PDB file of all heavy atoms in Angstrom:
ATOM      1  N   ALA A   1      83.436 148.473  80.495  1.00  0.00           N
ATOM      2  CA  ALA A   1      82.647 148.301  79.268  1.00  0.00           C
ATOM      3  C   ALA A   1      82.057 146.900  79.197  1.00  0.00           C
ATOM      4  O   ALA A   1      80.883 146.714  78.871  1.00  0.00           O
ATOM      5  CB  ALA A   1      83.515 148.585  78.041  1.00  0.00           C
ATOM      6  N   LEU A   2      82.864 145.901  79.495  1.00  0.00           N
ATOM      7  CA  LEU A   2      82.376 144.522  79.450  1.00  0.00           C
ATOM      8  C   LEU A   2      81.273 144.280  80.477  1.00  0.00           C
ATOM      9  O   LEU A   2      80.329 143.523  80.225  1.00  0.00           O
ATOM     10  CB  LEU A   2      83.532 143.558  79.680  1.00  0.00           C
ATOM     11  CG  LEU A   2      84.410 143.309  78.454  1.00  0.00           C
ATOM     12  CD1 LEU A   2      85.744 142.724  78.859  1.00  0.00           C
ATOM     13  CD2 LEU A   2      83.702 142.406  77.454  1.00  0.00           C
ATOM     14  N   GLN A   3      81.375 144.943  81.617  1.00  0.00           N
ATOM     15  CA  GLN A   3      80.336 144.789  82.625  1.00  0.00           C
ATOM     16  C   GLN A   3      78.998 145.287  82.104  1.00  0.00           C
ATOM     17  O   GLN A   3      77.945 144.713  82.391  1.00  0.00           O
ATOM     18  CB  GLN A   3      80.729 145.553  83.897  1.00  0.00           C
ATOM     19  CG  GLN A   3      79.753 145.404  85.052  1.00  0.00           C
ATOM     20  CD  GLN A   3      79.651 143.967  85.542  1.00  0.00           C
ATOM     21  OE1 GLN A   3      80.645 143.249  85.556  1.00  0.00           O
ATOM     22  NE2 GLN A   3      78.463 143.550  85.923  1.00  0.00           N
ATOM     23  N   ARG A   4      79.033 146.359  81.301  1.00  0.00           N
ATOM     24  CA  ARG A   4      77.778 146.930  80.783  1.00  0.00           C
ATOM     25  C   ARG A   4      77.103 145.997  79.787  1.00  0.00           C
ATOM     26  O   ARG A   4      75.888 146.066  79.597  1.00  0.00           O
ATOM     27  CB  ARG A   4      78.059 148.286  80.124  1.00  0.00           C
ATOM     28  CG  ARG A   4      78.403 149.377  81.120  1.00  0.00           C
ATOM     29  CD  ARG A   4      78.338 150.742  80.478  1.00  0.00           C
ATOM     30  NE  ARG A   4      79.354 150.953  79.467  1.00  0.00           N
ATOM     31  CZ  ARG A   4      80.598 151.378  79.722  1.00  0.00           C
ATOM     32  NH1 ARG A   4      80.978 151.585  80.979  1.00  0.00           N
ATOM     33  NH2 ARG A   4      81.461 151.564  78.744  1.00  0.00           N
ATOM     34  N   CYS A   5      77.866 145.171  79.105  1.00  0.00           N
ATOM     35  CA  CYS A   5      77.237 144.298  78.102  1.00  0.00           C
ATOM     36  C   CYS A   5      77.262 142.834  78.517  1.00  0.00           C
ATOM     37  O   CYS A   5      76.935 141.963  77.711  1.00  0.00           O
ATOM     38  CB  CYS A   5      77.902 144.472  76.740  1.00  0.00           C
ATOM     39  SG  CYS A   5      79.607 143.881  76.659  1.00  0.00           S
ATOM     40  N   SER A   6      77.634 142.540  79.763  1.00  0.00           N
ATOM     41  CA  SER A   6      77.728 141.140  80.191  1.00  0.00           C
ATOM     42  C   SER A   6      76.381 140.437  80.136  1.00  0.00           C
ATOM     43  O   SER A   6      76.290 139.256  79.831  1.00  0.00           O
ATOM     44  CB  SER A   6      78.304 141.057  81.603  1.00  0.00           C
ATOM     45  OG  SER A   6      77.474 141.756  82.526  1.00  0.00           O
ATOM     46  N   GLY A   7      75.307 141.177  80.414  1.00  0.00           N
ATOM     47  CA  GLY A   7      73.982 140.567  80.325  1.00  0.00           C
ATOM     48  C   GLY A   7      73.650 140.122  78.925  1.00  0.00           C
ATOM     49  O   GLY A   7      73.019 139.085  78.713  1.00  0.00           O
ATOM     50  N   ALA A   8      74.106 140.904  77.926  1.00  0.00           N
ATOM     51  CA  ALA A   8      73.845 140.526  76.537  1.00  0.00           C
ATOM     52  C   ALA A   8      74.565 139.236  76.185  1.00  0.00           C
ATOM     53  O   ALA A   8      74.034 138.382  75.475  1.00  0.00           O
ATOM     54  CB  ALA A   8      74.290 141.646  75.604  1.00  0.00           C
ATOM     55  N   GLN A   9      75.796 139.069  76.678  1.00  0.00           N
ATOM     56  CA  GLN A   9      76.527 137.827  76.408  1.00  0.00           C
ATOM     57  C   GLN A   9      75.797 136.629  76.997  1.00  0.00           C
ATOM     58  O   GLN A   9      75.664 135.592  76.351  1.00  0.00           O
ATOM     59  CB  GLN A   9      77.934 137.915  77.012  1.00  0.00           C
ATOM     60  CG  GLN A   9      78.868 138.851  76.267  1.00  0.00           C
ATOM     61  CD  GLN A   9      80.286 138.728  76.778  1.00  0.00           C
ATOM     62  OE1 GLN A   9      80.742 137.661  77.131  1.00  0.00           O
ATOM     63  NE2 GLN A   9      80.995 139.833  76.808  1.00  0.00           N
ATOM     64  N   SER A  10      75.312 136.778  78.216  1.00  0.00           N
ATOM     65  CA  SER A  10      74.639 135.647  78.841  1.00  0.00           C
ATOM     66  C   SER A  10      73.339 135.311  78.132  1.00  0.00           C
ATOM     67  O   SER A  10      72.950 134.153  78.035  1.00  0.00           O
ATOM     68  CB  SER A  10      74.390 135.945  80.319  1.00  0.00           C
ATOM     69  OG  SER A  10      73.510 137.044  80.471  1.00  0.00           O
ATOM     70  N   ARG A  11      72.666 136.335  77.599  1.00  0.00           N
ATOM     71  CA  ARG A  11      71.420 136.065  76.884  1.00  0.00           C
ATOM     72  C   ARG A  11      71.664 135.301  75.591  1.00  0.00           C
ATOM     73  O   ARG A  11      70.783 134.620  75.085  1.00  0.00           O
ATOM     74  CB  ARG A  11      70.687 137.388  76.583  1.00  0.00           C
ATOM     75  CG  ARG A  11      70.038 138.020  77.806  1.00  0.00           C
ATOM     76  CD  ARG A  11      69.081 139.124  77.374  1.00  0.00           C
ATOM     77  NE  ARG A  11      69.757 140.238  76.726  1.00  0.00           N
ATOM     78  CZ  ARG A  11      70.270 141.281  77.375  1.00  0.00           C
ATOM     79  NH1 ARG A  11      70.228 141.330  78.700  1.00  0.00           N
ATOM     80  NH2 ARG A  11      70.841 142.257  76.726  1.00  0.00           N
ATOM     81  N   ASN A  12      72.869 135.456  75.016  1.00  0.00           N
ATOM     82  CA  ASN A  12      73.177 134.748  73.780  1.00  0.00           C
ATOM     83  C   ASN A  12      73.450 133.267  74.010  1.00  0.00           C
ATOM     84  O   ASN A  12      73.316 132.451  73.106  1.00  0.00           O
ATOM     85  CB  ASN A  12      74.392 135.394  73.098  1.00  0.00           C
ATOM     86  CG  ASN A  12      74.719 134.742  71.783  1.00  0.00           C
ATOM     87  OD1 ASN A  12      73.927 134.800  70.859  1.00  0.00           O
ATOM     88  ND2 ASN A  12      75.879 134.122  71.691  1.00  0.00           N
ATOM     89  N   GLU A  13      73.845 132.912  75.225  1.00  0.00           N
ATOM     90  CA  GLU A  13      74.173 131.518  75.496  1.00  0.00           C
ATOM     91  C   GLU A  13      72.947 130.632  75.292  1.00  0.00           C
ATOM     92  O   GLU A  13      71.841 130.947  75.719  1.00  0.00           O
ATOM     93  CB  GLU A  13      74.661 131.370  76.943  1.00  0.00           C
ATOM     94  CG  GLU A  13      75.986 132.064  77.209  1.00  0.00           C
ATOM     95  CD  GLU A  13      77.099 131.550  76.315  1.00  0.00           C
ATOM     96  OE1 GLU A  13      77.143 130.326  76.104  1.00  0.00           O
ATOM     97  OE2 GLU A  13      77.902 132.359  75.840  1.00  0.00           O
ATOM     98  N   GLY A  14      73.152 129.553  74.617  1.00  0.00           N
ATOM     99  CA  GLY A  14      72.075 128.598  74.405  1.00  0.00           C
ATOM    100  C   GLY A  14      71.206 128.885  73.200  1.00  0.00           C
ATOM    101  O   GLY A  14      70.292 128.133  72.906  1.00  0.00           O
ATOM    102  N   ALA A  15      71.478 129.994  72.482  1.00  0.00           N
ATOM    103  CA  ALA A  15      70.674 130.285  71.307  1.00  0.00           C
ATOM    104  C   ALA A  15      70.929 129.244  70.228  1.00  0.00           C
ATOM    105  O   ALA A  15      72.030 128.760  70.055  1.00  0.00           O
ATOM    106  CB  ALA A  15      71.028 131.679  70.766  1.00  0.00           C
ATOM    107  N   SER A  16      69.902 128.881  69.502  1.00  0.00           N
ATOM    108  CA  SER A  16      70.043 127.892  68.441  1.00  0.00           C
ATOM    109  C   SER A  16      70.491 128.575  67.162  1.00  0.00           C
ATOM    110  O   SER A  16      70.308 129.779  67.005  1.00  0.00           O
ATOM    111  CB  SER A  16      68.702 127.194  68.203  1.00  0.00           C
ATOM    112  OG  SER A  16      67.796 128.086  67.570  1.00  0.00           O
ATOM    113  N   PRO A  17      71.082 127.844  66.202  1.00  0.00           N
ATOM    114  CA  PRO A  17      71.510 128.474  64.955  1.00  0.00           C
ATOM    115  C   PRO A  17      70.380 129.184  64.229  1.00  0.00           C
ATOM    116  O   PRO A  17      70.619 130.156  63.528  1.00  0.00           O
ATOM    117  CB  PRO A  17      72.055 127.285  64.145  1.00  0.00           C
ATOM    118  CG  PRO A  17      72.492 126.301  65.168  1.00  0.00           C
ATOM    119  CD  PRO A  17      71.500 126.436  66.297  1.00  0.00           C
ATOM    120  N   LEU A  18      69.153 128.728  64.390  1.00  0.00           N
ATOM    121  CA  LEU A  18      68.043 129.363  63.700  1.00  0.00           C
ATOM    122  C   LEU A  18      67.797 130.776  64.199  1.00  0.00           C
ATOM    123  O   LEU A  18      67.175 131.580  63.525  1.00  0.00           O
ATOM    124  CB  LEU A  18      66.768 128.523  63.868  1.00  0.00           C
ATOM    125  CG  LEU A  18      66.788 127.138  63.209  1.00  0.00           C
ATOM    126  CD1 LEU A  18      65.496 126.399  63.515  1.00  0.00           C
ATOM    127  CD2 LEU A  18      66.985 127.256  61.708  1.00  0.00           C
ATOM    128  N   ASP A  19      68.300 131.115  65.393  1.00  0.00           N
ATOM    129  CA  ASP A  19      68.089 132.436  65.959  1.00  0.00           C
ATOM    130  C   ASP A  19      68.990 133.493  65.340  1.00  0.00           C
ATOM    131  O   ASP A  19      68.829 134.677  65.617  1.00  0.00           O
ATOM    132  CB  ASP A  19      68.323 132.412  67.473  1.00  0.00           C
ATOM    133  CG  ASP A  19      67.301 131.566  68.201  1.00  0.00           C
ATOM    134  OD1 ASP A  19      66.153 131.503  67.744  1.00  0.00           O
ATOM    135  OD2 ASP A  19      67.675 130.954  69.204  1.00  0.00           O
ATOM    136  N   ALA A  20      69.974 133.100  64.549  1.00  0.00           N
ATOM    137  CA  ALA A  20      70.985 134.040  64.086  1.00  0.00           C
ATOM    138  C   ALA A  20      70.465 134.975  62.996  1.00  0.00           C
ATOM    139  O   ALA A  20      70.958 136.085  62.847  1.00  0.00           O
ATOM    140  CB  ALA A  20      72.211 133.287  63.566  1.00  0.00           C
ATOM    141  N   GLY A  21      69.490 134.557  62.207  1.00  0.00           N
ATOM    142  CA  GLY A  21      69.021 135.353  61.084  1.00  0.00           C
ATOM    143  C   GLY A  21      68.063 136.449  61.481  1.00  0.00           C
ATOM    144  O   GLY A  21      67.925 136.811  62.641  1.00  0.00           O
ATOM    145  N   GLU A  22      67.334 136.991  60.494  1.00  0.00           N
ATOM    146  CA  GLU A  22      66.476 138.135  60.753  1.00  0.00           C
ATOM    147  C   GLU A  22      65.059 137.709  61.106  1.00  0.00           C
ATOM    148  O   GLU A  22      64.546 136.701  60.630  1.00  0.00           O
ATOM    149  CB  GLU A  22      66.455 139.072  59.544  1.00  0.00           C
ATOM    150  CG  GLU A  22      65.891 138.478  58.280  1.00  0.00           C
ATOM    151  CD  GLU A  22      65.933 139.444  57.098  1.00  0.00           C
ATOM    152  OE1 GLU A  22      66.415 140.576  57.259  1.00  0.00           O
ATOM    153  OE2 GLU A  22      65.488 139.049  56.017  1.00  0.00           O
ATOM    154  N   THR A  23      64.400 138.518  61.938  1.00  0.00           N
ATOM    155  CA  THR A  23      63.004 138.312  62.290  1.00  0.00           C
ATOM    156  C   THR A  23      62.117 139.033  61.278  1.00  0.00           C
ATOM    157  O   THR A  23      62.593 139.827  60.454  1.00  0.00           O
ATOM    158  CB  THR A  23      62.721 138.869  63.689  1.00  0.00           C
ATOM    159  OG1 THR A  23      62.872 140.308  63.655  1.00  0.00           O
ATOM    160  CG2 THR A  23      63.679 138.280  64.722  1.00  0.00           C
ATOM    161  N   SER A  24      60.824 138.784  61.335  1.00  0.00           N
ATOM    162  CA  SER A  24      59.904 139.456  60.413  1.00  0.00           C
ATOM    163  C   SER A  24      59.911 140.964  60.636  1.00  0.00           C
ATOM    164  O   SER A  24      59.839 141.737  59.672  1.00  0.00           O
ATOM    165  CB  SER A  24      58.490 138.893  60.582  1.00  0.00           C
ATOM    166  OG  SER A  24      58.022 139.096  61.903  1.00  0.00           O
ATOM    167  N   ASN A  25      60.028 141.420  61.875  1.00  0.00           N
ATOM    168  CA  ASN A  25      60.075 142.863  62.139  1.00  0.00           C
ATOM    169  C   ASN A  25      61.338 143.492  61.561  1.00  0.00           C
ATOM    170  O   ASN A  25      61.302 144.613  61.034  1.00  0.00           O
ATOM    171  CB  ASN A  25      60.006 143.135  63.642  1.00  0.00           C
ATOM    172  CG  ASN A  25      58.617 142.923  64.214  1.00  0.00           C
ATOM    173  OD1 ASN A  25      57.621 142.922  63.480  1.00  0.00           O
ATOM    174  ND2 ASN A  25      58.538 142.734  65.514  1.00  0.00           N
ATOM    175  N   GLU A  26      62.445 142.793  61.655  1.00  0.00           N
ATOM    176  CA  GLU A  26      63.692 143.311  61.091  1.00  0.00           C
ATOM    177  C   GLU A  26      63.623 143.348  59.569  1.00  0.00           C
ATOM    178  O   GLU A  26      64.132 144.283  58.937  1.00  0.00           O
ATOM    179  CB  GLU A  26      64.867 142.449  61.570  1.00  0.00           C
ATOM    180  CG  GLU A  26      65.138 142.614  63.066  1.00  0.00           C
ATOM    181  CD  GLU A  26      65.950 141.491  63.672  1.00  0.00           C
ATOM    182  OE1 GLU A  26      66.186 140.481  62.974  1.00  0.00           O
ATOM    183  OE2 GLU A  26      66.342 141.609  64.852  1.00  0.00           O
TER     184      GLU A  26
END
């Protein structure tokens, strides 16, 4: 299971706090 979502974890690395909220599309 972790292998299937490991790419998502790596994509989260380095995100700034401003990225945590909602986008205009959301």
